[in-house]
Protein backbone atom coordinates (compact mmCIF):
# COMPACT_ATOMS: atom_id res chain seq x y z
CA UNK A 1 139.33 144.73 162.05
CA UNK A 2 139.40 142.19 159.22
CA UNK A 3 136.42 139.91 158.55
CA UNK A 4 136.80 136.15 158.90
CA UNK A 5 136.42 134.19 155.65
CA UNK A 6 136.15 130.46 156.30
CA UNK A 7 137.35 128.10 153.57
CA UNK A 8 136.25 124.47 153.47
CA UNK A 9 138.50 122.10 151.57
CA UNK A 10 141.41 124.33 152.54
CA UNK A 11 144.06 121.73 151.75
CA UNK A 12 142.44 120.69 148.47
CA UNK A 13 142.19 122.16 144.99
CA UNK A 14 139.25 124.53 145.30
CA UNK A 15 139.86 125.72 148.84
CA UNK A 16 143.60 125.99 148.32
CA UNK A 17 143.13 128.06 145.16
CA UNK A 18 140.85 130.49 146.99
CA UNK A 19 143.32 130.86 149.84
CA UNK A 20 146.09 131.62 147.33
CA UNK A 21 143.90 134.20 145.59
CA UNK A 22 142.92 136.03 148.78
CA UNK A 23 146.44 136.08 150.22
CA UNK A 24 147.85 137.50 146.98
CA UNK A 25 145.09 140.06 146.44
CA UNK A 26 145.96 143.63 147.32
CA UNK A 27 142.53 144.47 148.76
CA UNK A 28 141.06 141.17 149.95
CA UNK A 29 144.21 140.22 151.85
CA UNK A 30 143.61 143.25 154.07
CA UNK A 31 139.82 142.96 154.23
CA UNK A 32 139.67 139.28 155.19
CA UNK A 33 141.48 137.00 157.60
CA UNK A 34 141.39 133.37 156.50
CA UNK A 35 140.33 130.31 158.46
CA UNK A 36 140.90 126.99 156.76
CA UNK A 37 138.85 123.93 157.71
CA UNK A 38 140.43 120.49 157.59
CA UNK A 39 139.90 117.12 159.23
CA UNK A 40 143.57 116.89 160.14
CA UNK A 41 145.44 120.04 161.14
CA UNK A 42 148.71 118.15 161.52
CA UNK A 43 149.11 117.09 157.89
CA UNK A 44 151.81 118.88 155.87
CA UNK A 45 149.41 120.97 153.75
CA UNK A 46 147.71 122.32 156.87
CA UNK A 47 151.03 123.15 158.50
CA UNK A 48 152.05 125.05 155.37
CA UNK A 49 148.83 127.08 155.55
CA UNK A 50 149.56 128.01 159.15
CA UNK A 51 153.01 129.20 158.11
CA UNK A 52 151.33 131.52 155.58
CA UNK A 53 149.16 133.11 158.25
CA UNK A 54 145.98 131.07 157.77
CA UNK A 55 144.14 130.01 160.91
CA UNK A 56 143.64 126.25 160.60
CA UNK A 57 140.76 124.59 162.45
CA UNK A 58 139.88 120.92 162.62
CA UNK A 59 136.25 120.06 161.86
CA UNK A 60 134.40 117.19 160.24
CA UNK A 61 131.44 117.65 157.90
CA UNK A 62 129.98 114.47 159.38
CA UNK A 63 130.11 115.97 162.89
CA UNK A 64 127.75 119.01 163.01
CA UNK A 65 128.85 120.24 166.47
CA UNK A 66 132.44 120.53 165.23
CA UNK A 67 131.24 122.67 162.32
CA UNK A 68 129.44 125.13 164.54
CA UNK A 69 132.53 125.59 166.71
CA UNK A 70 134.69 126.12 163.61
CA UNK A 71 132.37 128.82 162.24
CA UNK A 72 132.14 131.06 165.29
CA UNK A 73 132.61 134.75 164.36
CA UNK A 74 132.78 133.95 160.64
CA UNK A 75 131.60 136.68 158.27
CA UNK A 76 131.74 134.66 155.04
CA UNK A 77 132.01 130.97 154.18
CA UNK A 78 133.19 129.18 151.06
CA UNK A 79 131.67 125.71 151.33
CA UNK A 80 132.26 122.66 149.19
CA UNK A 81 131.95 118.90 149.48
CA UNK A 82 133.68 116.04 147.71
CA UNK A 83 131.14 113.58 146.34
CA UNK A 84 133.85 111.08 145.49
CA UNK A 85 135.00 110.87 149.12
CA UNK A 86 132.10 108.49 149.79
CA UNK A 87 130.54 108.30 146.28
CA UNK A 88 127.19 108.85 147.96
CA UNK A 89 124.65 111.55 147.18
CA UNK A 90 123.02 111.04 150.57
CA UNK A 91 126.32 111.65 152.35
CA UNK A 92 127.13 114.72 150.26
CA UNK A 93 123.70 116.25 150.82
CA UNK A 94 123.92 115.65 154.56
CA UNK A 95 127.37 117.26 154.69
CA UNK A 96 126.30 120.30 152.69
CA UNK A 97 123.19 120.84 154.79
CA UNK A 98 125.22 120.49 157.99
CA UNK A 99 127.60 123.24 156.83
CA UNK A 100 124.66 125.46 155.88
CA UNK A 101 122.90 124.93 159.20
CA UNK A 102 126.04 125.69 161.18
CA UNK A 103 126.71 128.79 159.07
CA UNK A 104 123.21 130.13 159.64
CA UNK A 105 123.34 129.38 163.37
CA UNK A 106 126.60 131.31 163.79
CA UNK A 107 125.38 134.37 161.88
CA UNK A 108 127.33 134.08 158.63
CA UNK A 109 126.54 137.03 156.34
CA UNK A 110 127.80 135.65 153.02
CA UNK A 111 127.42 131.99 152.08
CA UNK A 112 129.28 130.83 148.96
CA UNK A 113 128.42 127.30 147.85
CA UNK A 114 130.32 125.32 145.21
CA UNK A 115 127.40 123.92 143.24
CA UNK A 116 126.46 122.21 139.97
CA UNK A 117 123.28 121.99 137.89
CA UNK A 118 120.50 119.54 138.74
CA UNK A 119 120.74 117.18 135.78
CA UNK A 120 117.59 115.24 136.66
CA UNK A 121 115.53 118.43 136.48
CA UNK A 122 117.44 119.84 133.52
CA UNK A 123 116.76 116.68 131.50
CA UNK A 124 113.11 116.41 132.61
CA UNK A 125 113.89 113.12 134.31
CA UNK A 126 115.69 111.56 131.34
CA UNK A 127 119.06 111.48 133.13
CA UNK A 128 118.91 110.45 136.77
CA UNK A 129 122.36 108.98 137.39
CA UNK A 130 124.57 112.09 137.46
CA UNK A 131 124.46 112.06 141.24
CA UNK A 132 127.47 114.28 141.88
CA UNK A 133 125.69 117.12 140.07
CA UNK A 134 122.24 116.58 141.56
CA UNK A 135 123.40 116.34 145.16
CA UNK A 136 125.20 119.68 145.02
CA UNK A 137 122.14 121.25 143.39
CA UNK A 138 119.93 119.92 146.19
CA UNK A 139 122.18 121.57 148.76
CA UNK A 140 121.96 124.81 146.76
CA UNK A 141 118.16 124.67 146.97
CA UNK A 142 118.42 124.10 150.71
CA UNK A 143 120.74 127.08 151.18
CA UNK A 144 118.33 129.29 149.25
CA UNK A 145 115.54 128.24 151.61
CA UNK A 146 117.52 129.36 154.66
CA UNK A 147 117.49 133.05 153.68
CA UNK A 148 121.08 134.02 154.46
CA UNK A 149 121.71 137.78 154.26
CA UNK A 150 123.54 136.90 151.03
CA UNK A 151 124.24 133.62 149.23
CA UNK A 152 126.20 133.07 146.02
CA UNK A 153 126.60 129.89 144.00
CA UNK A 154 129.88 129.07 142.26
CA UNK A 155 129.34 126.56 139.41
CA UNK A 156 132.73 125.46 138.06
CA UNK A 157 133.17 123.78 134.71
CA UNK A 158 135.27 120.70 134.05
CA UNK A 159 138.61 121.06 135.84
CA UNK A 160 141.55 121.20 133.45
CA UNK A 161 143.37 119.29 136.19
CA UNK A 162 140.98 116.35 135.65
CA UNK A 163 142.85 115.43 132.50
CA UNK A 164 145.87 114.42 134.51
CA UNK A 165 145.77 114.87 138.28
CA UNK A 166 142.36 113.66 139.35
CA UNK A 167 141.12 110.83 137.22
CA UNK A 168 142.09 107.25 136.51
CA UNK A 169 142.95 106.12 133.92
CA UNK A 170 145.52 108.60 132.72
CA UNK A 171 146.16 109.23 129.02
CA UNK A 172 147.72 105.99 127.78
CA UNK A 173 150.28 105.22 125.09
CA UNK A 174 148.74 102.51 122.88
CA UNK A 175 151.46 102.59 120.21
CA UNK A 176 154.75 104.33 119.62
CA UNK A 177 153.09 107.53 118.43
CA UNK A 178 149.45 107.26 119.60
CA UNK A 179 147.96 108.31 122.93
CA UNK A 180 144.50 107.20 124.04
CA UNK A 181 142.63 110.05 125.69
CA UNK A 182 140.51 108.16 128.27
CA UNK A 183 137.23 109.99 127.75
CA UNK A 184 134.56 108.55 125.43
CA UNK A 185 133.19 111.87 124.25
CA UNK A 186 131.71 112.71 120.84
CA UNK A 187 134.13 115.00 118.96
CA UNK A 188 131.61 117.84 118.80
CA UNK A 189 130.68 117.71 122.49
CA UNK A 190 131.38 121.09 124.12
CA UNK A 191 132.96 121.14 127.57
CA UNK A 192 133.47 124.26 129.71
CA UNK A 193 137.04 124.10 131.01
CA UNK A 194 138.28 125.85 134.13
CA UNK A 195 141.69 125.96 135.73
CA UNK A 196 140.49 125.50 139.30
CA UNK A 197 143.45 127.62 140.35
CA UNK A 198 141.39 130.54 139.03
CA UNK A 199 138.45 129.78 141.35
CA UNK A 200 138.72 132.90 143.49
CA UNK A 201 138.62 135.17 140.45
CA UNK A 202 135.08 134.09 139.60
CA UNK A 203 133.39 134.96 142.86
CA UNK A 204 135.56 137.96 143.71
CA UNK A 205 132.73 140.23 142.47
CA UNK A 206 130.50 138.82 145.22
CA UNK A 207 133.12 139.68 147.84
CA UNK A 208 133.10 143.26 146.58
CA UNK A 209 129.31 143.65 146.42
CA UNK A 210 127.41 140.85 148.12
CA UNK A 211 124.02 142.58 147.75
CA UNK A 212 124.37 142.81 143.96
CA UNK A 213 125.19 139.12 143.59
CA UNK A 214 122.84 137.72 146.22
CA UNK A 215 121.21 134.56 144.88
CA UNK A 216 123.29 134.55 141.71
CA UNK A 217 124.78 131.49 140.04
CA UNK A 218 128.29 132.26 138.81
CA UNK A 219 128.78 129.83 135.91
CA UNK A 220 132.57 129.60 135.76
CA UNK A 221 134.98 128.50 133.02
CA UNK A 222 137.59 129.99 130.72
CA UNK A 223 135.52 128.96 127.68
CA UNK A 224 133.71 126.07 126.03
CA UNK A 225 135.94 123.70 124.03
CA UNK A 226 134.87 120.81 121.83
CA UNK A 227 136.28 117.38 122.63
CA UNK A 228 138.05 117.45 119.27
CA UNK A 229 139.67 120.80 120.10
CA UNK A 230 140.93 119.34 123.37
CA UNK A 231 142.61 116.31 121.80
CA UNK A 232 144.00 118.49 119.00
CA UNK A 233 145.64 120.70 121.62
CA UNK A 234 147.06 117.64 123.36
CA UNK A 235 148.38 116.38 120.02
CA UNK A 236 150.03 119.72 119.24
CA UNK A 237 151.66 120.04 122.66
CA UNK A 238 152.76 116.41 123.00
CA UNK A 239 153.78 115.79 119.40
CA UNK A 240 151.78 112.54 119.51
CA UNK A 241 148.58 111.42 117.81
CA UNK A 242 145.99 111.76 120.58
CA UNK A 243 142.54 110.29 120.08
CA UNK A 244 139.36 109.92 122.13
CA UNK A 245 138.50 106.54 123.62
CA UNK A 246 135.49 104.48 122.62
CA UNK A 247 132.84 103.35 125.07
CA UNK A 248 134.18 99.79 124.94
CA UNK A 249 137.68 101.02 125.78
CA UNK A 250 136.34 102.93 128.79
CA UNK A 251 134.65 99.75 130.03
CA UNK A 252 138.04 98.02 129.99
CA UNK A 253 139.52 100.66 132.31
CA UNK A 254 136.66 101.60 134.66
CA UNK A 255 134.27 99.39 136.62
CA UNK A 256 132.59 101.99 138.87
CA UNK A 257 129.29 102.99 137.20
CA UNK A 258 129.40 106.63 138.35
CA UNK A 259 132.93 107.08 137.01
CA UNK A 260 131.78 105.61 133.70
CA UNK A 261 129.01 108.21 133.68
CA UNK A 262 131.63 110.95 134.00
CA UNK A 263 133.88 109.53 131.31
CA UNK A 264 130.97 108.98 128.90
CA UNK A 265 128.64 111.95 129.53
CA UNK A 266 127.71 112.50 125.90
CA UNK A 267 123.91 112.51 126.36
CA UNK A 268 124.17 115.14 129.10
CA UNK A 269 126.47 117.55 127.32
CA UNK A 270 125.14 117.07 123.79
CA UNK A 271 121.44 117.14 124.55
CA UNK A 272 121.23 119.49 127.50
CA UNK A 273 124.59 121.25 127.82
CA UNK A 274 126.89 121.11 130.83
CA UNK A 275 125.26 124.17 132.37
CA UNK A 276 121.89 123.72 130.70
CA UNK A 277 120.40 125.36 127.59
CA UNK A 278 121.53 128.86 128.60
CA UNK A 279 125.09 127.87 129.48
CA UNK A 280 126.78 130.07 126.88
CA UNK A 281 124.79 133.12 127.90
CA UNK A 282 125.33 132.50 131.61
CA UNK A 283 129.08 132.01 131.16
CA UNK A 284 129.36 135.20 129.11
CA UNK A 285 127.54 137.06 131.89
CA UNK A 286 129.90 135.74 134.57
CA UNK A 287 132.99 136.60 132.53
CA UNK A 288 131.69 140.15 132.07
CA UNK A 289 131.63 140.56 135.87
CA UNK A 290 135.30 139.75 136.39
CA UNK A 291 138.03 142.23 137.14
CA UNK A 292 139.96 142.74 133.87
CA UNK A 293 143.16 142.36 135.87
CA UNK A 294 142.21 138.78 136.78
CA UNK A 295 143.47 136.96 133.70
CA UNK A 296 142.12 133.43 133.27
CA UNK A 297 144.14 130.37 132.33
CA UNK A 298 143.58 129.08 128.78
């Protein structure tokens, strides 16, 4: 009998990518049956999942009893939250803890949490406004305290999709041959890029051997790229002159202070590194764990 793997965010980028990976995998597709969690099982994306053989259950992260019902008989859980849904660290922490509590109460054996580094701690209190990192890290600490049989922490880099699908403003033509890349990053700032469609490939090792990877952070990206390398690639592909925005230009486009923090995160990445001072080493370690057959997007 197959084991139930519950996927939160099933109709979104991370959850959807994991569902695709499992369904297409020769071994995991037989080992696991998938249960996708969504707030609305009647929306088109959820109906499409049902047609592919995924069990779709309605539950709300803000309604703990609904979570417990959705997790009955689950063997493993991939859990994630969307900070930008409410732009509130308090809300995200409450949601993450509610998922963890329900998972523990229903006897989940493997808890996989989509996490990020705690920037406040990493910077020794110098940077305290990167809330969407810190809140996920706080949930990670909480999950560790619950003593699941096995817990694994997936730390994705900067989504390649962010450059077009997820953020406003989009790259903007400012003259006939010049495109403004709407990120005010220093040219030498190094960013770990991940195609979130590859998400399942990074924690597949934990599905194969949960004891070996218990408590491990899987720092996940194809590679580190400098901001200059990124705009050079855009220039080469588009045939246009692509340049990085200045801080003043960002202020013209964005009024939300947290979004400005994302678009101008130079102090974080330059001084402390996206994944902290050992980010290169930790990424190399994760990449060494992957199945050679699981090619990553560049």
